[in-house]
């Protein structure tokens, strides 16, 4: 049962409850997950989904797993493989090293060691990729706690996430926010 009276599930209900927070939070996610990067949008969504899985945030994991799957050739199978066993998942060595950094951030920022950064650099991860991985992980720890801390409703229908993924892939987070403001979703 949500701790607040919300009219939509997950973070969207929170954005409608306190709309002045929606634009800056969506702006951050737009830059991190949709903006220019040497990491694909699918890889960045995978980082968000992985951190959300580690935090046991079912809503954020389900949403960002669907968004990642829609943008990765291997789809949901890869997302689930990463979630189940990062070491055995068929991802690049660079992405695996970045996901290890993300997992360290999820534990505590101080867990990001020189060795983890050196391992990512050894796989050709650049400064922006390392920076963005840390910021994606930190931001999703906040988003996960925001959603779970207010006990938002969790849609059980996988089509909810799949349909949102199509809109996120097509227009990004700010476009979906504008769509919600206009009452079109």
N, C-alpha and C. Protein backbone atom coordinates (compact mmCIF):
# COMPACT_ATOMS: atom_id res chain seq x y z
N UNK A 1 0.84 -1.17 0.00
CA UNK A 1 0.00 0.00 0.00
C UNK A 1 0.89 1.25 0.00
N UNK A 2 0.76 2.10 -1.00
CA UNK A 2 1.59 3.32 -1.04
C UNK A 2 1.40 4.18 0.21
N UNK A 3 2.47 4.84 0.60
CA UNK A 3 2.43 5.72 1.76
C UNK A 3 1.75 7.05 1.46
N UNK A 4 1.60 7.37 0.18
CA UNK A 4 0.94 8.59 -0.27
C UNK A 4 -0.22 8.23 -1.19
N UNK A 5 -1.15 9.14 -1.37
CA UNK A 5 -2.21 8.92 -2.34
C UNK A 5 -1.66 9.28 -3.71
N UNK A 6 -1.41 8.25 -4.50
CA UNK A 6 -0.86 8.42 -5.84
C UNK A 6 -1.85 7.85 -6.85
N UNK A 7 -1.86 8.45 -8.03
CA UNK A 7 -2.82 8.03 -9.04
C UNK A 7 -2.19 7.24 -10.17
N UNK A 8 -0.90 6.97 -10.07
CA UNK A 8 -0.19 6.14 -11.04
C UNK A 8 0.84 5.31 -10.29
N UNK A 9 1.24 4.19 -10.86
CA UNK A 9 2.24 3.36 -10.20
C UNK A 9 3.65 3.93 -10.34
N UNK A 10 4.52 3.45 -9.50
CA UNK A 10 5.94 3.74 -9.62
C UNK A 10 6.28 5.22 -9.54
N UNK A 11 7.37 5.55 -10.17
CA UNK A 11 7.90 6.91 -10.09
C UNK A 11 6.99 7.93 -10.77
N UNK A 12 6.21 7.48 -11.73
CA UNK A 12 5.31 8.43 -12.42
C UNK A 12 4.29 9.01 -11.45
N UNK A 13 3.80 8.21 -10.54
CA UNK A 13 2.88 8.72 -9.54
C UNK A 13 3.56 9.75 -8.65
N UNK A 14 4.83 9.50 -8.31
CA UNK A 14 5.58 10.46 -7.50
C UNK A 14 5.82 11.76 -8.26
N UNK A 15 6.09 11.65 -9.55
CA UNK A 15 6.30 12.86 -10.36
C UNK A 15 5.02 13.68 -10.44
N UNK A 16 3.90 13.02 -10.53
CA UNK A 16 2.63 13.77 -10.55
C UNK A 16 2.31 14.37 -9.18
N UNK A 17 2.70 13.67 -8.13
CA UNK A 17 2.47 14.17 -6.78
C UNK A 17 3.29 15.44 -6.52
N UNK A 18 4.51 15.45 -7.00
CA UNK A 18 5.42 16.58 -6.78
C UNK A 18 6.06 16.95 -8.12
N UNK A 19 5.29 17.56 -9.03
CA UNK A 19 5.75 17.78 -10.40
C UNK A 19 6.99 18.65 -10.53
N UNK A 20 7.24 19.52 -9.57
CA UNK A 20 8.44 20.37 -9.67
C UNK A 20 9.73 19.57 -9.56
N UNK A 21 9.65 18.32 -9.07
CA UNK A 21 10.83 17.46 -9.03
C UNK A 21 11.00 16.66 -10.32
N UNK A 22 9.94 16.53 -11.07
CA UNK A 22 9.97 15.66 -12.25
C UNK A 22 10.94 16.14 -13.32
N UNK A 23 10.94 17.43 -13.61
CA UNK A 23 11.80 17.93 -14.69
C UNK A 23 13.28 17.76 -14.37
N UNK A 24 13.78 18.18 -13.22
CA UNK A 24 15.22 17.98 -12.98
C UNK A 24 15.62 16.51 -12.90
N UNK A 25 14.77 15.67 -12.30
CA UNK A 25 15.12 14.25 -12.20
C UNK A 25 15.10 13.59 -13.58
N UNK A 26 14.10 13.91 -14.39
CA UNK A 26 14.06 13.37 -15.75
C UNK A 26 15.17 13.95 -16.61
N UNK A 27 15.52 15.20 -16.37
CA UNK A 27 16.63 15.80 -17.11
C UNK A 27 17.94 15.06 -16.85
N UNK A 28 18.18 14.71 -15.60
CA UNK A 28 19.38 13.94 -15.26
C UNK A 28 19.38 12.59 -15.96
N UNK A 29 18.27 11.90 -15.90
CA UNK A 29 18.17 10.58 -16.54
C UNK A 29 18.31 10.71 -18.06
N UNK A 30 17.74 11.75 -18.63
CA UNK A 30 17.86 11.97 -20.08
C UNK A 30 19.33 12.09 -20.48
N UNK A 31 20.10 12.90 -19.74
CA UNK A 31 21.52 13.07 -20.05
C UNK A 31 22.27 11.76 -19.87
N UNK A 32 22.04 11.09 -18.76
CA UNK A 32 22.80 9.88 -18.45
C UNK A 32 22.45 8.70 -19.34
N UNK A 33 21.17 8.51 -19.64
CA UNK A 33 20.75 7.30 -20.35
C UNK A 33 20.48 7.51 -21.84
N UNK A 34 20.25 8.75 -22.24
CA UNK A 34 19.92 9.00 -23.65
C UNK A 34 20.90 9.94 -24.35
N UNK A 35 21.69 10.68 -23.59
CA UNK A 35 22.59 11.66 -24.18
C UNK A 35 23.76 11.02 -24.91
N UNK A 36 24.57 11.84 -25.54
CA UNK A 36 25.75 11.33 -26.26
C UNK A 36 26.68 10.55 -25.32
N UNK A 37 27.14 9.42 -25.79
CA UNK A 37 28.02 8.57 -24.99
C UNK A 37 28.63 7.51 -25.90
N UNK A 38 29.78 7.03 -25.50
CA UNK A 38 30.36 5.88 -26.20
C UNK A 38 29.71 4.58 -25.76
N UNK A 39 28.98 4.61 -24.67
CA UNK A 39 28.18 3.45 -24.28
C UNK A 39 26.81 3.58 -24.95
N UNK A 40 26.28 2.48 -25.41
CA UNK A 40 24.98 2.52 -26.07
C UNK A 40 23.89 2.83 -25.03
N UNK A 41 22.75 3.26 -25.52
CA UNK A 41 21.63 3.50 -24.62
C UNK A 41 21.24 2.21 -23.90
N UNK A 42 21.28 1.09 -24.62
CA UNK A 42 20.96 -0.19 -24.01
C UNK A 42 21.92 -0.55 -22.89
N UNK A 43 23.22 -0.29 -23.10
CA UNK A 43 24.21 -0.59 -22.06
C UNK A 43 23.98 0.28 -20.82
N UNK A 44 23.65 1.54 -21.04
CA UNK A 44 23.41 2.43 -19.89
C UNK A 44 22.13 2.04 -19.15
N UNK A 45 21.10 1.64 -19.89
CA UNK A 45 19.88 1.14 -19.24
C UNK A 45 20.18 -0.14 -18.47
N UNK A 46 21.07 -0.96 -19.00
CA UNK A 46 21.45 -2.20 -18.32
C UNK A 46 22.12 -1.88 -16.99
N UNK A 47 22.96 -0.85 -16.95
CA UNK A 47 23.58 -0.44 -15.69
C UNK A 47 22.49 -0.04 -14.69
N UNK A 48 21.52 0.75 -15.15
CA UNK A 48 20.41 1.17 -14.28
C UNK A 48 19.62 -0.04 -13.78
N UNK A 49 19.34 -0.96 -14.67
CA UNK A 49 18.58 -2.16 -14.29
C UNK A 49 19.37 -3.01 -13.31
N UNK A 50 20.66 -3.16 -13.55
CA UNK A 50 21.50 -3.99 -12.68
C UNK A 50 21.55 -3.43 -11.26
N UNK A 51 21.75 -2.13 -11.15
CA UNK A 51 21.77 -1.50 -9.83
C UNK A 51 20.41 -1.66 -9.15
N UNK A 52 19.35 -1.48 -9.92
CA UNK A 52 18.00 -1.63 -9.36
C UNK A 52 17.76 -3.05 -8.88
N UNK A 53 18.30 -4.03 -9.61
CA UNK A 53 18.18 -5.44 -9.17
C UNK A 53 18.96 -5.65 -7.87
N UNK A 54 20.16 -5.10 -7.80
CA UNK A 54 20.96 -5.24 -6.58
C UNK A 54 20.25 -4.59 -5.39
N UNK A 55 19.54 -3.50 -5.65
CA UNK A 55 18.79 -2.82 -4.59
C UNK A 55 17.43 -3.46 -4.33
N UNK A 56 17.10 -4.50 -5.09
CA UNK A 56 15.82 -5.21 -4.96
C UNK A 56 14.63 -4.28 -5.15
N UNK A 57 14.79 -3.30 -6.05
CA UNK A 57 13.68 -2.39 -6.38
C UNK A 57 12.96 -2.98 -7.58
N UNK A 58 11.87 -3.66 -7.33
CA UNK A 58 11.16 -4.38 -8.39
C UNK A 58 10.64 -3.45 -9.47
N UNK A 59 10.09 -2.30 -9.08
CA UNK A 59 9.56 -1.38 -10.10
C UNK A 59 10.67 -0.89 -11.02
N UNK A 60 11.75 -0.34 -10.45
CA UNK A 60 12.82 0.21 -11.29
C UNK A 60 13.53 -0.88 -12.09
N UNK A 61 13.72 -2.06 -11.47
CA UNK A 61 14.33 -3.14 -12.23
C UNK A 61 13.43 -3.51 -13.42
N UNK A 62 12.17 -3.72 -13.18
CA UNK A 62 11.25 -4.13 -14.25
C UNK A 62 11.22 -3.10 -15.37
N UNK A 63 11.16 -1.82 -15.00
CA UNK A 63 11.10 -0.76 -16.01
C UNK A 63 12.40 -0.71 -16.81
N UNK A 64 13.53 -0.60 -16.13
CA UNK A 64 14.79 -0.40 -16.85
C UNK A 64 15.29 -1.68 -17.50
N UNK A 65 14.88 -2.82 -17.00
CA UNK A 65 15.18 -4.07 -17.71
C UNK A 65 14.45 -4.08 -19.05
N UNK A 66 13.19 -3.65 -19.05
CA UNK A 66 12.44 -3.58 -20.31
C UNK A 66 13.05 -2.56 -21.25
N UNK A 67 13.48 -1.41 -20.72
CA UNK A 67 14.08 -0.37 -21.57
C UNK A 67 15.41 -0.86 -22.14
N UNK A 68 16.20 -1.56 -21.32
CA UNK A 68 17.47 -2.12 -21.81
C UNK A 68 17.21 -3.18 -22.87
N UNK A 69 16.29 -4.09 -22.57
CA UNK A 69 15.99 -5.19 -23.49
C UNK A 69 15.54 -4.67 -24.85
N UNK A 70 14.79 -3.59 -24.85
CA UNK A 70 14.30 -3.02 -26.11
C UNK A 70 15.42 -2.43 -26.95
N UNK A 71 16.58 -2.20 -26.33
CA UNK A 71 17.68 -1.54 -27.04
C UNK A 71 18.93 -2.41 -27.18
N UNK A 72 18.86 -3.63 -26.70
CA UNK A 72 19.97 -4.57 -26.82
C UNK A 72 19.57 -5.70 -27.76
N UNK A 73 20.46 -6.08 -28.65
CA UNK A 73 20.15 -7.15 -29.61
C UNK A 73 19.74 -8.44 -28.91
N UNK A 74 20.35 -8.71 -27.76
CA UNK A 74 20.09 -9.96 -27.04
C UNK A 74 18.84 -9.88 -26.17
N UNK A 75 18.24 -8.69 -26.06
CA UNK A 75 16.97 -8.51 -25.37
C UNK A 75 16.99 -8.88 -23.90
N UNK A 76 15.83 -9.29 -23.42
CA UNK A 76 15.64 -9.59 -22.00
C UNK A 76 16.49 -10.76 -21.54
N UNK A 77 16.81 -11.65 -22.45
CA UNK A 77 17.66 -12.79 -22.06
C UNK A 77 18.99 -12.30 -21.50
N UNK A 78 19.60 -11.33 -22.16
CA UNK A 78 20.87 -10.79 -21.68
C UNK A 78 20.69 -10.06 -20.35
N UNK A 79 19.64 -9.27 -20.24
CA UNK A 79 19.39 -8.54 -18.99
C UNK A 79 19.28 -9.52 -17.83
N UNK A 80 18.53 -10.59 -18.02
CA UNK A 80 18.37 -11.59 -16.96
C UNK A 80 19.67 -12.33 -16.67
N UNK A 81 20.48 -12.58 -17.71
CA UNK A 81 21.77 -13.23 -17.48
C UNK A 81 22.68 -12.35 -16.63
N UNK A 82 22.71 -11.06 -16.92
CA UNK A 82 23.52 -10.13 -16.13
C UNK A 82 23.03 -10.12 -14.69
N UNK A 83 21.74 -10.06 -14.52
CA UNK A 83 21.15 -10.04 -13.17
C UNK A 83 21.51 -11.31 -12.40
N UNK A 84 21.43 -12.44 -13.06
CA UNK A 84 21.65 -13.73 -12.40
C UNK A 84 23.11 -14.01 -12.09
N UNK A 85 24.00 -13.66 -13.03
CA UNK A 85 25.42 -14.01 -12.86
C UNK A 85 26.27 -13.14 -13.79
N UNK A 86 26.69 -12.00 -13.30
CA UNK A 86 27.47 -11.07 -14.12
C UNK A 86 28.70 -11.74 -14.71
N UNK A 87 29.39 -12.56 -13.94
CA UNK A 87 30.62 -13.18 -14.43
C UNK A 87 30.39 -14.10 -15.62
N UNK A 88 29.24 -14.74 -15.69
CA UNK A 88 28.95 -15.67 -16.79
C UNK A 88 28.17 -15.01 -17.93
N UNK A 89 27.68 -13.81 -17.73
CA UNK A 89 26.86 -13.15 -18.75
C UNK A 89 27.70 -12.78 -19.97
N UNK A 90 27.14 -12.93 -21.17
CA UNK A 90 27.88 -12.65 -22.40
C UNK A 90 27.91 -11.16 -22.74
N UNK A 91 28.62 -10.39 -21.92
CA UNK A 91 28.81 -8.96 -22.18
C UNK A 91 30.29 -8.72 -22.41
N UNK A 92 30.62 -7.57 -22.98
CA UNK A 92 32.03 -7.24 -23.23
C UNK A 92 32.77 -7.11 -21.91
N UNK A 93 34.07 -7.29 -21.97
CA UNK A 93 34.89 -7.16 -20.77
C UNK A 93 34.79 -5.74 -20.22
N UNK A 94 34.69 -4.75 -21.08
CA UNK A 94 34.56 -3.37 -20.62
C UNK A 94 33.25 -3.18 -19.87
N UNK A 95 32.15 -3.65 -20.43
CA UNK A 95 30.86 -3.49 -19.76
C UNK A 95 30.84 -4.25 -18.44
N UNK A 96 31.43 -5.43 -18.41
CA UNK A 96 31.49 -6.21 -17.16
C UNK A 96 32.26 -5.40 -16.09
N UNK A 97 33.38 -4.79 -16.49
CA UNK A 97 34.16 -3.99 -15.54
C UNK A 97 33.36 -2.78 -15.05
N UNK A 98 32.62 -2.15 -15.95
CA UNK A 98 31.78 -1.01 -15.55
C UNK A 98 30.64 -1.46 -14.64
N UNK A 99 30.05 -2.60 -14.92
CA UNK A 99 28.99 -3.12 -14.06
C UNK A 99 29.53 -3.46 -12.67
N UNK A 100 30.77 -3.88 -12.59
CA UNK A 100 31.38 -4.14 -11.28
C UNK A 100 31.54 -2.82 -10.51
N UNK A 101 31.90 -1.77 -11.23
CA UNK A 101 31.98 -0.45 -10.58
C UNK A 101 30.59 -0.04 -10.10
N UNK A 102 29.58 -0.24 -10.93
CA UNK A 102 28.21 0.10 -10.55
C UNK A 102 27.79 -0.67 -9.29
N UNK A 103 28.15 -1.94 -9.22
CA UNK A 103 27.82 -2.75 -8.04
C UNK A 103 28.53 -2.22 -6.80
N UNK A 104 29.75 -1.77 -6.98
CA UNK A 104 30.48 -1.19 -5.84
C UNK A 104 29.78 0.07 -5.34
N UNK A 105 29.37 0.93 -6.28
CA UNK A 105 28.64 2.15 -5.91
C UNK A 105 27.37 1.78 -5.16
N UNK A 106 26.67 0.76 -5.63
CA UNK A 106 25.42 0.34 -4.98
C UNK A 106 25.67 -0.03 -3.53
N UNK A 107 26.82 -0.61 -3.26
CA UNK A 107 27.18 -0.97 -1.89
C UNK A 107 27.53 0.28 -1.09
N UNK A 108 28.48 1.05 -1.57
CA UNK A 108 28.88 2.34 -1.01
C UNK A 108 29.87 2.95 -2.00
N UNK A 109 29.82 4.23 -2.16
CA UNK A 109 30.73 4.88 -3.09
C UNK A 109 32.19 4.60 -2.77
N UNK A 110 32.49 4.42 -1.50
CA UNK A 110 33.86 4.15 -1.10
C UNK A 110 34.34 2.76 -1.54
N UNK A 111 33.43 1.92 -2.01
CA UNK A 111 33.80 0.59 -2.48
C UNK A 111 34.38 0.62 -3.90
N UNK A 112 34.30 1.78 -4.56
CA UNK A 112 34.92 1.92 -5.88
C UNK A 112 36.41 2.10 -5.64
N UNK A 113 37.14 1.04 -5.88
CA UNK A 113 38.58 1.03 -5.58
C UNK A 113 39.41 1.38 -6.80
N UNK A 114 40.66 1.69 -6.53
CA UNK A 114 41.61 1.92 -7.63
C UNK A 114 41.68 0.69 -8.53
N UNK A 115 41.60 -0.50 -7.94
CA UNK A 115 41.66 -1.73 -8.73
C UNK A 115 40.46 -1.85 -9.68
N UNK A 116 39.26 -1.51 -9.21
CA UNK A 116 38.09 -1.56 -10.09
C UNK A 116 38.22 -0.57 -11.25
N UNK A 117 38.69 0.62 -10.95
CA UNK A 117 38.87 1.63 -12.00
C UNK A 117 39.97 1.20 -12.95
N UNK A 118 41.06 0.67 -12.43
CA UNK A 118 42.15 0.19 -13.29
C UNK A 118 41.69 -0.95 -14.18
N UNK A 119 40.86 -1.83 -13.64
CA UNK A 119 40.33 -2.94 -14.46
C UNK A 119 39.46 -2.40 -15.59
N UNK A 120 38.66 -1.39 -15.32
CA UNK A 120 37.84 -0.80 -16.37
C UNK A 120 38.72 -0.10 -17.41
N UNK A 121 39.72 0.62 -16.94
CA UNK A 121 40.65 1.29 -17.88
C UNK A 121 41.39 0.26 -18.74
N UNK A 122 41.75 -0.88 -18.14
CA UNK A 122 42.44 -1.93 -18.88
C UNK A 122 41.58 -2.48 -20.01
N UNK A 123 40.26 -2.31 -19.89
CA UNK A 123 39.33 -2.76 -20.94
C UNK A 123 38.89 -1.59 -21.82
N UNK A 124 39.67 -0.51 -21.78
CA UNK A 124 39.45 0.68 -22.62
C UNK A 124 38.28 1.55 -22.20
N UNK A 125 37.85 1.47 -20.96
CA UNK A 125 36.84 2.40 -20.46
C UNK A 125 37.50 3.76 -20.27
N UNK A 126 36.85 4.78 -20.78
CA UNK A 126 37.37 6.13 -20.65
C UNK A 126 36.81 6.84 -19.43
N UNK A 127 37.33 8.03 -19.21
CA UNK A 127 36.92 8.81 -18.05
C UNK A 127 35.41 9.06 -18.02
N UNK A 128 34.83 9.44 -19.16
CA UNK A 128 33.39 9.72 -19.17
C UNK A 128 32.58 8.45 -18.89
N UNK A 129 33.02 7.32 -19.43
CA UNK A 129 32.30 6.07 -19.17
C UNK A 129 32.34 5.70 -17.69
N UNK A 130 33.50 5.89 -17.07
CA UNK A 130 33.63 5.59 -15.63
C UNK A 130 32.78 6.59 -14.84
N UNK A 131 32.90 7.86 -15.17
CA UNK A 131 32.09 8.89 -14.50
C UNK A 131 30.61 8.58 -14.60
N UNK A 132 30.15 8.33 -15.83
CA UNK A 132 28.73 8.12 -16.04
C UNK A 132 28.23 6.85 -15.37
N UNK A 133 29.05 5.82 -15.34
CA UNK A 133 28.68 4.59 -14.64
C UNK A 133 28.46 4.87 -13.16
N UNK A 134 29.38 5.59 -12.55
CA UNK A 134 29.24 5.92 -11.13
C UNK A 134 27.99 6.76 -10.91
N UNK A 135 27.76 7.75 -11.78
CA UNK A 135 26.60 8.63 -11.59
C UNK A 135 25.29 7.89 -11.86
N UNK A 136 25.25 7.03 -12.88
CA UNK A 136 24.05 6.22 -13.12
C UNK A 136 23.75 5.36 -11.89
N UNK A 137 24.78 4.70 -11.38
CA UNK A 137 24.58 3.83 -10.21
C UNK A 137 24.11 4.64 -9.00
N UNK A 138 24.74 5.77 -8.76
CA UNK A 138 24.35 6.61 -7.61
C UNK A 138 22.93 7.13 -7.78
N UNK A 139 22.61 7.60 -8.99
CA UNK A 139 21.27 8.12 -9.25
C UNK A 139 20.22 7.04 -9.08
N UNK A 140 20.51 5.83 -9.54
CA UNK A 140 19.52 4.77 -9.41
C UNK A 140 19.39 4.26 -7.99
N UNK A 141 20.43 4.38 -7.19
CA UNK A 141 20.25 4.10 -5.76
C UNK A 141 19.24 5.09 -5.19
N UNK A 142 19.35 6.36 -5.58
CA UNK A 142 18.39 7.36 -5.11
C UNK A 142 16.99 7.06 -5.64
N UNK A 143 16.86 6.81 -6.95
CA UNK A 143 15.55 6.54 -7.52
C UNK A 143 14.91 5.30 -6.88
N UNK A 144 15.72 4.26 -6.66
CA UNK A 144 15.21 3.04 -6.05
C UNK A 144 14.67 3.32 -4.65
N UNK A 145 15.39 4.09 -3.89
CA UNK A 145 14.96 4.41 -2.53
C UNK A 145 13.75 5.34 -2.53
N UNK A 146 13.67 6.20 -3.52
CA UNK A 146 12.52 7.11 -3.67
C UNK A 146 11.25 6.29 -3.92
N UNK A 147 11.32 5.38 -4.88
CA UNK A 147 10.16 4.55 -5.24
C UNK A 147 9.78 3.60 -4.10
N UNK A 148 10.77 2.90 -3.56
CA UNK A 148 10.48 1.93 -2.50
C UNK A 148 10.18 2.60 -1.16
N UNK A 149 10.83 3.73 -0.89
CA UNK A 149 10.62 4.43 0.37
C UNK A 149 9.21 4.96 0.53
N UNK A 150 8.54 5.21 -0.60
CA UNK A 150 7.15 5.67 -0.54
C UNK A 150 6.18 4.56 -0.95
N UNK A 151 6.71 3.34 -1.07
CA UNK A 151 5.90 2.15 -1.32
C UNK A 151 4.95 2.33 -2.50
N UNK A 152 5.49 2.81 -3.61
CA UNK A 152 4.64 3.02 -4.78
C UNK A 152 4.09 1.70 -5.30
N UNK A 153 2.99 1.79 -5.99
CA UNK A 153 2.35 0.60 -6.55
C UNK A 153 3.23 0.00 -7.65
N UNK A 154 3.15 -1.29 -7.78
CA UNK A 154 3.96 -2.02 -8.74
C UNK A 154 3.06 -2.70 -9.76
N UNK A 155 3.10 -2.25 -11.02
CA UNK A 155 2.30 -2.95 -12.04
C UNK A 155 2.82 -4.37 -12.22
N UNK A 156 1.92 -5.33 -12.23
CA UNK A 156 2.31 -6.72 -12.40
C UNK A 156 2.34 -7.15 -13.86
N UNK A 157 1.63 -6.42 -14.72
CA UNK A 157 1.53 -6.76 -16.13
C UNK A 157 2.81 -6.37 -16.87
N UNK A 158 3.56 -7.34 -17.43
CA UNK A 158 4.80 -7.02 -18.14
C UNK A 158 4.57 -6.07 -19.33
N UNK A 159 3.36 -6.08 -19.88
CA UNK A 159 3.08 -5.17 -21.00
C UNK A 159 3.17 -3.71 -20.58
N UNK A 160 2.92 -3.40 -19.31
CA UNK A 160 3.07 -2.03 -18.83
C UNK A 160 4.49 -1.54 -19.11
N UNK A 161 5.47 -2.36 -18.77
CA UNK A 161 6.88 -1.99 -18.94
C UNK A 161 7.29 -2.01 -20.41
N UNK A 162 6.81 -2.99 -21.15
CA UNK A 162 7.13 -3.10 -22.57
C UNK A 162 6.59 -1.91 -23.34
N UNK A 163 5.36 -1.50 -23.04
CA UNK A 163 4.77 -0.35 -23.72
C UNK A 163 5.51 0.94 -23.38
N UNK A 164 5.90 1.10 -22.13
CA UNK A 164 6.67 2.28 -21.75
C UNK A 164 8.04 2.25 -22.41
N UNK A 165 8.62 1.07 -22.56
CA UNK A 165 9.94 0.97 -23.20
C UNK A 165 9.89 1.51 -24.62
N UNK A 166 8.83 1.19 -25.33
CA UNK A 166 8.70 1.68 -26.71
C UNK A 166 8.71 3.21 -26.73
N UNK A 167 8.03 3.83 -25.79
CA UNK A 167 7.96 5.29 -25.75
C UNK A 167 9.29 5.89 -25.31
N UNK A 168 9.96 5.27 -24.36
CA UNK A 168 11.26 5.76 -23.91
C UNK A 168 12.28 5.66 -25.05
N UNK A 169 12.30 4.54 -25.74
CA UNK A 169 13.24 4.35 -26.85
C UNK A 169 12.98 5.37 -27.95
N UNK A 170 11.72 5.60 -28.25
CA UNK A 170 11.38 6.51 -29.35
C UNK A 170 11.63 7.97 -29.00
N UNK A 171 11.33 8.37 -27.77
CA UNK A 171 11.38 9.80 -27.47
C UNK A 171 12.24 10.23 -26.31
N UNK A 172 12.72 9.28 -25.51
CA UNK A 172 13.51 9.64 -24.35
C UNK A 172 12.64 10.01 -23.16
N UNK A 173 13.30 10.35 -22.08
CA UNK A 173 12.61 10.60 -20.82
C UNK A 173 11.89 11.94 -20.78
N UNK A 174 12.46 12.95 -21.38
CA UNK A 174 11.80 14.26 -21.36
C UNK A 174 10.55 14.27 -22.21
N UNK A 175 10.58 13.57 -23.35
CA UNK A 175 9.39 13.49 -24.21
C UNK A 175 8.27 12.74 -23.50
N UNK A 176 8.61 11.68 -22.79
CA UNK A 176 7.60 10.92 -22.06
C UNK A 176 7.05 11.77 -20.91
N UNK A 177 7.91 12.57 -20.30
CA UNK A 177 7.45 13.48 -19.25
C UNK A 177 6.45 14.49 -19.81
N UNK A 178 6.76 15.07 -20.96
CA UNK A 178 5.84 16.02 -21.60
C UNK A 178 4.53 15.34 -21.96
N UNK A 179 4.63 14.12 -22.43
CA UNK A 179 3.43 13.34 -22.78
C UNK A 179 2.55 13.15 -21.53
N UNK A 180 3.19 12.83 -20.41
CA UNK A 180 2.44 12.63 -19.16
C UNK A 180 1.82 13.94 -18.70
N UNK A 181 2.56 15.04 -18.82
CA UNK A 181 2.02 16.34 -18.42
C UNK A 181 0.78 16.71 -19.25
N UNK A 182 0.81 16.32 -20.50
CA UNK A 182 -0.32 16.63 -21.39
C UNK A 182 -1.48 15.66 -21.17
N UNK A 183 -1.26 14.65 -20.32
CA UNK A 183 -2.32 13.69 -20.01
C UNK A 183 -2.56 12.68 -21.10
N UNK A 184 -1.54 12.44 -21.93
CA UNK A 184 -1.69 11.54 -23.07
C UNK A 184 -1.35 10.11 -22.74
N UNK A 185 -0.87 9.85 -21.56
CA UNK A 185 -0.52 8.45 -21.27
C UNK A 185 -1.35 8.00 -20.15
